[in-house]
């Protein structure tokens, strides 16, 4: 078992138009984040992610939701 040190810095932008934070029934959200690892550690990579979702009332107490996430990660410094 080998040891490694990972350090990273990142930022996230979150746009939220949901009607309730924990139990939404209507609205949508977008989240974009970027992370850069390798600032003093032995792993170097860049990661970017986008997540989005929408909630809509269907009928009675039923809520429809569609949530998706896509991302990209790339090794830096010649690592694989």
PDB file of N, CA and C in Angstrom:
ATOM      1  N   UNK A   1       0.848  -1.172   0.000  1.00  0.00           N
ATOM      2  CA  UNK A   1       0.000   0.000   0.000  1.00  0.00           C
ATOM      3  C   UNK A   1       0.895   1.237   0.000  1.00  0.00           C
ATOM      4  N   UNK A   2       0.711   2.080  -1.013  1.00  0.00           N
ATOM      5  CA  UNK A   2       1.536   3.283  -1.112  1.00  0.00           C
ATOM      6  C   UNK A   2       0.771   4.488  -0.585  1.00  0.00           C
ATOM      7  N   UNK A   3       1.523   5.462  -0.134  1.00  0.00           N
ATOM      8  CA  UNK A   3       0.933   6.697   0.373  1.00  0.00           C
ATOM      9  C   UNK A   3       1.068   7.787  -0.673  1.00  0.00           C
ATOM     10  N   UNK A   4       0.122   8.686  -0.685  1.00  0.00           N
ATOM     11  CA  UNK A   4       0.216   9.846  -1.560  1.00  0.00           C
ATOM     12  C   UNK A   4      -0.401  11.036  -0.844  1.00  0.00           C
ATOM     13  N   UNK A   5      -0.012  12.217  -1.276  1.00  0.00           N
ATOM     14  CA  UNK A   5      -0.520  13.460  -0.706  1.00  0.00           C
ATOM     15  C   UNK A   5      -1.294  14.195  -1.790  1.00  0.00           C
ATOM     16  N   UNK A   6      -2.525  14.573  -1.485  1.00  0.00           N
ATOM     17  CA  UNK A   6      -3.364  15.287  -2.441  1.00  0.00           C
ATOM     18  C   UNK A   6      -3.749  16.631  -1.847  1.00  0.00           C
ATOM     19  N   UNK A   7      -3.484  17.676  -2.594  1.00  0.00           N
ATOM     20  CA  UNK A   7      -3.957  19.010  -2.217  1.00  0.00           C
ATOM     21  C   UNK A   7      -4.636  19.610  -3.436  1.00  0.00           C
ATOM     22  N   UNK A   8      -5.725  20.326  -3.201  1.00  0.00           N
ATOM     23  CA  UNK A   8      -6.454  20.901  -4.328  1.00  0.00           C
ATOM     24  C   UNK A   8      -7.122  22.203  -3.910  1.00  0.00           C
ATOM     25  N   UNK A   9      -7.448  22.988  -4.915  1.00  0.00           N
ATOM     26  CA  UNK A   9      -8.193  24.228  -4.727  1.00  0.00           C
ATOM     27  C   UNK A   9      -9.295  24.236  -5.781  1.00  0.00           C
ATOM     28  N   UNK A  10     -10.438  24.798  -5.423  1.00  0.00           N
ATOM     29  CA  UNK A  10     -11.545  24.782  -6.368  1.00  0.00           C
ATOM     30  C   UNK A  10     -12.515  25.923  -6.141  1.00  0.00           C
ATOM     31  N   UNK A  11     -13.439  26.043  -7.079  1.00  0.00           N
ATOM     32  CA  UNK A  11     -14.490  27.048  -6.973  1.00  0.00           C
ATOM     33  C   UNK A  11     -15.779  26.447  -7.504  1.00  0.00           C
ATOM     34  N   UNK A  12     -16.900  26.913  -6.949  1.00  0.00           N
ATOM     35  CA  UNK A  12     -18.223  26.452  -7.362  1.00  0.00           C
ATOM     36  C   UNK A  12     -19.151  27.645  -7.501  1.00  0.00           C
ATOM     37  N   UNK A  13     -19.923  27.648  -8.573  1.00  0.00           N
ATOM     38  CA  UNK A  13     -20.976  28.643  -8.784  1.00  0.00           C
ATOM     39  C   UNK A  13     -22.292  27.878  -8.791  1.00  0.00           C
ATOM     40  N   UNK A  14     -23.234  28.316  -7.958  1.00  0.00           N
ATOM     41  CA  UNK A  14     -24.510  27.619  -7.798  1.00  0.00           C
ATOM     42  C   UNK A  14     -25.650  28.611  -7.991  1.00  0.00           C
ATOM     43  N   UNK A  15     -26.533  28.328  -8.949  1.00  0.00           N
ATOM     44  CA  UNK A  15     -27.716  29.154  -9.212  1.00  0.00           C
ATOM     45  C   UNK A  15     -28.937  28.319  -8.862  1.00  0.00           C
ATOM     46  N   UNK A  16     -29.746  28.796  -7.927  1.00  0.00           N
ATOM     47  CA  UNK A  16     -30.818  27.997  -7.363  1.00  0.00           C
ATOM     48  C   UNK A  16     -32.152  28.740  -7.450  1.00  0.00           C
ATOM     49  N   UNK A  17     -33.111  28.152  -8.147  1.00  0.00           N
ATOM     50  CA  UNK A  17     -34.473  28.693  -8.206  1.00  0.00           C
ATOM     51  C   UNK A  17     -35.473  27.632  -7.720  1.00  0.00           C
ATOM     52  N   UNK A  18     -35.050  26.789  -6.762  1.00  0.00           N
ATOM     53  CA  UNK A  18     -35.925  25.771  -6.188  1.00  0.00           C
ATOM     54  C   UNK A  18     -36.818  26.399  -5.125  1.00  0.00           C
ATOM     55  N   UNK A  19     -38.008  25.844  -4.948  1.00  0.00           N
ATOM     56  CA  UNK A  19     -38.927  26.393  -3.951  1.00  0.00           C
ATOM     57  C   UNK A  19     -38.604  25.949  -2.523  1.00  0.00           C
ATOM     58  N   UNK A  20     -37.782  24.898  -2.362  1.00  0.00           N
ATOM     59  CA  UNK A  20     -37.373  24.431  -1.039  1.00  0.00           C
ATOM     60  C   UNK A  20     -36.018  23.757  -1.175  1.00  0.00           C
ATOM     61  N   UNK A  21     -35.101  24.055  -0.265  1.00  0.00           N
ATOM     62  CA  UNK A  21     -33.737  23.544  -0.378  1.00  0.00           C
ATOM     63  C   UNK A  21     -33.638  22.027  -0.211  1.00  0.00           C
ATOM     64  N   UNK A  22     -34.330  21.458   0.780  1.00  0.00           N
ATOM     65  CA  UNK A  22     -34.192  20.032   1.071  1.00  0.00           C
ATOM     66  C   UNK A  22     -35.246  19.155   0.398  1.00  0.00           C
ATOM     67  N   UNK A  23     -36.423  19.694   0.154  1.00  0.00           N
ATOM     68  CA  UNK A  23     -37.513  18.901  -0.410  1.00  0.00           C
ATOM     69  C   UNK A  23     -38.214  19.703  -1.506  1.00  0.00           C
ATOM     70  N   UNK A  24     -37.553  19.910  -2.654  1.00  0.00           N
ATOM     71  CA  UNK A  24     -38.139  20.767  -3.687  1.00  0.00           C
ATOM     72  C   UNK A  24     -39.321  20.102  -4.394  1.00  0.00           C
ATOM     73  N   UNK A  25     -40.263  20.935  -4.818  1.00  0.00           N
ATOM     74  CA  UNK A  25     -41.378  20.440  -5.619  1.00  0.00           C
ATOM     75  C   UNK A  25     -41.503  21.203  -6.930  1.00  0.00           C
ATOM     76  N   UNK A  26     -40.780  22.317  -7.044  1.00  0.00           N
ATOM     77  CA  UNK A  26     -40.839  23.097  -8.270  1.00  0.00           C
ATOM     78  C   UNK A  26     -39.585  23.962  -8.370  1.00  0.00           C
ATOM     79  N   UNK A  27     -39.090  24.122  -9.601  1.00  0.00           N
ATOM     80  CA  UNK A  27     -37.943  24.987  -9.836  1.00  0.00           C
ATOM     81  C   UNK A  27     -36.797  24.253 -10.514  1.00  0.00           C
ATOM     82  N   UNK A  28     -35.652  24.925 -10.567  1.00  0.00           N
ATOM     83  CA  UNK A  28     -34.478  24.358 -11.226  1.00  0.00           C
ATOM     84  C   UNK A  28     -33.212  24.901 -10.568  1.00  0.00           C
ATOM     85  N   UNK A  29     -32.081  24.245 -10.873  1.00  0.00           N
ATOM     86  CA  UNK A  29     -30.784  24.692 -10.369  1.00  0.00           C
ATOM     87  C   UNK A  29     -29.692  24.350 -11.375  1.00  0.00           C
ATOM     88  N   UNK A  30     -28.587  25.086 -11.290  1.00  0.00           N
ATOM     89  CA  UNK A  30     -27.365  24.832 -12.062  1.00  0.00           C
ATOM     90  C   UNK A  30     -26.182  24.940 -11.111  1.00  0.00           C
ATOM     91  N   UNK A  31     -25.221  24.043 -11.256  1.00  0.00           N
ATOM     92  CA  UNK A  31     -23.995  24.100 -10.457  1.00  0.00           C
ATOM     93  C   UNK A  31     -22.815  23.837 -11.393  1.00  0.00           C
ATOM     94  N   UNK A  32     -21.831  24.732 -11.378  1.00  0.00           N
ATOM     95  CA  UNK A  32     -20.608  24.589 -12.168  1.00  0.00           C
ATOM     96  C   UNK A  32     -19.440  24.631 -11.195  1.00  0.00           C
ATOM     97  N   UNK A  33     -18.531  23.679 -11.303  1.00  0.00           N
ATOM     98  CA  UNK A  33     -17.372  23.674 -10.406  1.00  0.00           C
ATOM     99  C   UNK A  33     -16.105  23.284 -11.164  1.00  0.00           C
ATOM    100  N   UNK A  34     -14.991  23.816 -10.692  1.00  0.00           N
ATOM    101  CA  UNK A  34     -13.661  23.513 -11.226  1.00  0.00           C
ATOM    102  C   UNK A  34     -12.731  23.251 -10.057  1.00  0.00           C
ATOM    103  N   UNK A  35     -11.866  22.247 -10.199  1.00  0.00           N
ATOM    104  CA  UNK A  35     -10.888  21.906  -9.169  1.00  0.00           C
ATOM    105  C   UNK A  35      -9.529  21.705  -9.817  1.00  0.00           C
ATOM    106  N   UNK A  36      -8.502  22.171  -9.147  1.00  0.00           N
ATOM    107  CA  UNK A  36      -7.124  21.998  -9.592  1.00  0.00           C
ATOM    108  C   UNK A  36      -6.344  21.348  -8.464  1.00  0.00           C
ATOM    109  N   UNK A  37      -5.773  20.173  -8.722  1.00  0.00           N
ATOM    110  CA  UNK A  37      -4.978  19.458  -7.728  1.00  0.00           C
ATOM    111  C   UNK A  37      -3.515  19.503  -8.137  1.00  0.00           C
ATOM    112  N   UNK A  38      -2.642  19.428  -7.156  1.00  0.00           N
ATOM    113  CA  UNK A  38      -1.216  19.391  -7.427  1.00  0.00           C
ATOM    114  C   UNK A  38      -0.444  20.526  -6.797  1.00  0.00           C
ATOM    115  N   UNK A  39      -1.092  21.318  -5.999  1.00  0.00           N
ATOM    116  CA  UNK A  39      -0.422  22.439  -5.335  1.00  0.00           C
ATOM    117  C   UNK A  39       0.242  21.934  -4.060  1.00  0.00           C
ATOM    118  N   UNK A  40       1.385  21.297  -4.202  1.00  0.00           N
ATOM    119  CA  UNK A  40       2.098  20.763  -3.053  1.00  0.00           C
ATOM    120  C   UNK A  40       1.895  19.272  -2.848  1.00  0.00           C
ATOM    121  N   UNK A  41       1.045  18.637  -3.609  1.00  0.00           N
ATOM    122  CA  UNK A  41       0.820  17.202  -3.492  1.00  0.00           C
ATOM    123  C   UNK A  41       1.526  16.445  -4.600  1.00  0.00           C
ATOM    124  N   UNK A  42       1.339  15.125  -4.635  1.00  0.00           N
ATOM    125  CA  UNK A  42       1.973  14.330  -5.684  1.00  0.00           C
ATOM    126  C   UNK A  42       0.982  13.847  -6.744  1.00  0.00           C
ATOM    127  N   UNK A  43      -0.206  14.369  -6.773  1.00  0.00           N
ATOM    128  CA  UNK A  43      -1.184  14.121  -7.837  1.00  0.00           C
ATOM    129  C   UNK A  43      -1.534  15.462  -8.467  1.00  0.00           C
ATOM    130  N   UNK A  44      -1.557  15.494  -9.801  1.00  0.00           N
ATOM    131  CA  UNK A  44      -1.854  16.744 -10.507  1.00  0.00           C
ATOM    132  C   UNK A  44      -2.947  16.494 -11.534  1.00  0.00           C
ATOM    133  N   UNK A  45      -4.077  17.211 -11.388  1.00  0.00           N
ATOM    134  CA  UNK A  45      -5.160  17.090 -12.345  1.00  0.00           C
ATOM    135  C   UNK A  45      -6.041  18.325 -12.304  1.00  0.00           C
ATOM    136  N   UNK A  46      -6.834  18.472 -13.376  1.00  0.00           N
ATOM    137  CA  UNK A  46      -7.841  19.526 -13.463  1.00  0.00           C
ATOM    138  C   UNK A  46      -9.182  18.852 -13.718  1.00  0.00           C
ATOM    139  N   UNK A  47     -10.211  19.272 -12.976  1.00  0.00           N
ATOM    140  CA  UNK A  47     -11.541  18.678 -13.114  1.00  0.00           C
ATOM    141  C   UNK A  47     -12.573  19.794 -13.243  1.00  0.00           C
ATOM    142  N   UNK A  48     -13.506  19.601 -14.156  1.00  0.00           N
ATOM    143  CA  UNK A  48     -14.597  20.547 -14.361  1.00  0.00           C
ATOM    144  C   UNK A  48     -15.904  19.762 -14.389  1.00  0.00           C
ATOM    145  N   UNK A  49     -16.935  20.274 -13.691  1.00  0.00           N
ATOM    146  CA  UNK A  49     -18.222  19.576 -13.625  1.00  0.00           C
ATOM    147  C   UNK A  49     -19.381  20.553 -13.800  1.00  0.00           C
ATOM    148  N   UNK A  50     -20.452  20.062 -14.408  1.00  0.00           N
ATOM    149  CA  UNK A  50     -21.702  20.804 -14.552  1.00  0.00           C
ATOM    150  C   UNK A  50     -22.833  19.887 -14.100  1.00  0.00           C
ATOM    151  N   UNK A  51     -23.670  20.395 -13.208  1.00  0.00           N
ATOM    152  CA  UNK A  51     -24.831  19.646 -12.736  1.00  0.00           C
ATOM    153  C   UNK A  51     -26.055  20.542 -12.877  1.00  0.00           C
ATOM    154  N   UNK A  52     -27.170  19.967 -13.305  1.00  0.00           N
ATOM    155  CA  UNK A  52     -28.407  20.728 -13.462  1.00  0.00           C
ATOM    156  C   UNK A  52     -29.585  19.829 -13.129  1.00  0.00           C
ATOM    157  N   UNK A  53     -30.659  20.456 -12.684  1.00  0.00           N
ATOM    158  CA  UNK A  53     -31.854  19.688 -12.360  1.00  0.00           C
ATOM    159  C   UNK A  53     -33.100  20.545 -12.426  1.00  0.00           C
ATOM    160  N   UNK A  54     -34.223  19.876 -12.640  1.00  0.00           N
ATOM    161  CA  UNK A  54     -35.507  20.565 -12.686  1.00  0.00           C
ATOM    162  C   UNK A  54     -36.551  19.711 -11.978  1.00  0.00           C
ATOM    163  N   UNK A  55     -37.433  20.369 -11.224  1.00  0.00           N
ATOM    164  CA  UNK A  55     -38.524  19.728 -10.492  1.00  0.00           C
ATOM    165  C   UNK A  55     -39.837  20.368 -10.916  1.00  0.00           C
ATOM    166  N   UNK A  56     -40.860  19.521 -11.133  1.00  0.00           N
ATOM    167  CA  UNK A  56     -42.187  20.024 -11.540  1.00  0.00           C
ATOM    168  C   UNK A  56     -43.268  19.192 -10.859  1.00  0.00           C
ATOM    169  N   UNK A  57     -44.315  19.852 -10.383  1.00  0.00           N
ATOM    170  CA  UNK A  57     -45.452  19.089  -9.860  1.00  0.00           C
ATOM    171  C   UNK A  57     -46.171  18.383 -11.015  1.00  0.00           C
ATOM    172  N   UNK A  58     -46.546  17.122 -10.808  1.00  0.00           N
ATOM    173  CA  UNK A  58     -47.232  16.357 -11.849  1.00  0.00           C
ATOM    174  C   UNK A  58     -48.736  16.325 -11.590  1.00  0.00           C
ATOM    175  N   UNK A  59     -49.159  15.591 -10.570  1.00  0.00           N
ATOM    176  CA  UNK A  59     -50.565  15.562 -10.167  1.00  0.00           C
ATOM    177  C   UNK A  59     -50.619  15.113  -8.718  1.00  0.00           C
ATOM    178  N   UNK A  60     -51.630  15.549  -8.027  1.00  0.00           N
ATOM    179  CA  UNK A  60     -51.805  15.275  -6.599  1.00  0.00           C
ATOM    180  C   UNK A  60     -50.513  15.625  -5.862  1.00  0.00           C
ATOM    181  N   UNK A  61     -49.910  14.649  -5.182  1.00  0.00           N
ATOM    182  CA  UNK A  61     -48.673  14.876  -4.421  1.00  0.00           C
ATOM    183  C   UNK A  61     -47.429  14.415  -5.190  1.00  0.00           C
ATOM    184  N   UNK A  62     -47.566  14.052  -6.449  1.00  0.00           N
ATOM    185  CA  UNK A  62     -46.452  13.524  -7.237  1.00  0.00           C
ATOM    186  C   UNK A  62     -45.616  14.667  -7.809  1.00  0.00           C
ATOM    187  N   UNK A  63     -44.281  14.494  -7.716  1.00  0.00           N
ATOM    188  CA  UNK A  63     -43.331  15.481  -8.238  1.00  0.00           C
ATOM    189  C   UNK A  63     -42.424  14.779  -9.247  1.00  0.00           C
ATOM    190  N   UNK A  64     -42.258  15.369 -10.411  1.00  0.00           N
ATOM    191  CA  UNK A  64     -41.322  14.847 -11.403  1.00  0.00           C
ATOM    192  C   UNK A  64     -39.991  15.579 -11.288  1.00  0.00           C
ATOM    193  N   UNK A  65     -38.908  14.848 -11.458  1.00  0.00           N
ATOM    194  CA  UNK A  65     -37.587  15.489 -11.399  1.00  0.00           C
ATOM    195  C   UNK A  65     -36.665  14.888 -12.448  1.00  0.00           C
ATOM    196  N   UNK A  66     -35.797  15.718 -12.956  1.00  0.00           N
ATOM    197  CA  UNK A  66     -34.769  15.306 -13.897  1.00  0.00           C
ATOM    198  C   UNK A  66     -33.480  15.999 -13.476  1.00  0.00           C
ATOM    199  N   UNK A  67     -32.471  15.208 -13.110  1.00  0.00           N
ATOM    200  CA  UNK A  67     -31.196  15.744 -12.638  1.00  0.00           C
ATOM    201  C   UNK A  67     -30.087  15.042 -13.403  1.00  0.00           C
ATOM    202  N   UNK A  68     -29.098  15.804 -13.859  1.00  0.00           N
ATOM    203  CA  UNK A  68     -27.977  15.224 -14.588  1.00  0.00           C
ATOM    204  C   UNK A  68     -26.671  15.903 -14.240  1.00  0.00           C
ATOM    205  N   UNK A  69     -25.585  15.190 -14.478  1.00  0.00           N
ATOM    206  CA  UNK A  69     -24.249  15.725 -14.214  1.00  0.00           C
ATOM    207  C   UNK A  69     -23.309  15.256 -15.313  1.00  0.00           C
ATOM    208  N   UNK A  70     -22.452  16.147 -15.758  1.00  0.00           N
ATOM    209  CA  UNK A  70     -21.430  15.817 -16.741  1.00  0.00           C
ATOM    210  C   UNK A  70     -20.123  16.424 -16.244  1.00  0.00           C
ATOM    211  N   UNK A  71     -19.018  15.752 -16.533  1.00  0.00           N
ATOM    212  CA  UNK A  71     -17.738  16.256 -16.055  1.00  0.00           C
ATOM    213  C   UNK A  71     -16.587  15.830 -16.940  1.00  0.00           C
ATOM    214  N   UNK A  72     -15.449  16.454 -16.679  1.00  0.00           N
ATOM    215  CA  UNK A  72     -14.225  16.180 -17.424  1.00  0.00           C
ATOM    216  C   UNK A  72     -13.066  16.274 -16.446  1.00  0.00           C
ATOM    217  N   UNK A  73     -12.136  15.336 -16.543  1.00  0.00           N
ATOM    218  CA  UNK A  73     -10.937  15.383 -15.711  1.00  0.00           C
ATOM    219  C   UNK A  73      -9.728  15.091 -16.591  1.00  0.00           C
ATOM    220  N   UNK A  74      -8.667  15.822 -16.352  1.00  0.00           N
ATOM    221  CA  UNK A  74      -7.457  15.668 -17.150  1.00  0.00           C
ATOM    222  C   UNK A  74      -6.238  15.655 -16.236  1.00  0.00           C
ATOM    223  N   UNK A  75      -5.370  14.669 -16.431  1.00  0.00           N
ATOM    224  CA  UNK A  75      -4.127  14.602 -15.669  1.00  0.00           C
ATOM    225  C   UNK A  75      -3.165  15.676 -16.165  1.00  0.00           C
ATOM    226  N   UNK A  76      -2.419  16.254 -15.249  1.00  0.00           N
ATOM    227  CA  UNK A  76      -1.424  17.272 -15.583  1.00  0.00           C
ATOM    228  C   UNK A  76      -0.031  16.747 -15.257  1.00  0.00           C
ATOM    229  N   UNK A  77       0.963  17.371 -15.789  1.00  0.00           N
ATOM    230  CA  UNK A  77       2.342  17.018 -15.455  1.00  0.00           C
ATOM    231  C   UNK A  77       2.778  15.668 -15.967  1.00  0.00           C
ATOM    232  N   UNK A  78       2.191  15.171 -17.056  1.00  0.00           N
ATOM    233  CA  UNK A  78       2.613  13.907 -17.644  1.00  0.00           C
ATOM    234  C   UNK A  78       2.131  12.676 -16.905  1.00  0.00           C
ATOM    235  N   UNK A  79       1.225  12.815 -15.942  1.00  0.00           N
ATOM    236  CA  UNK A  79       0.691  11.655 -15.226  1.00  0.00           C
ATOM    237  C   UNK A  79      -0.434  11.026 -16.030  1.00  0.00           C
ATOM    238  N   UNK A  80      -0.721   9.753 -15.719  1.00  0.00           N
ATOM    239  CA  UNK A  80      -1.820   9.048 -16.388  1.00  0.00           C
ATOM    240  C   UNK A  80      -2.853   8.633 -15.387  1.00  0.00           C
TER     241      UNK A  80
END
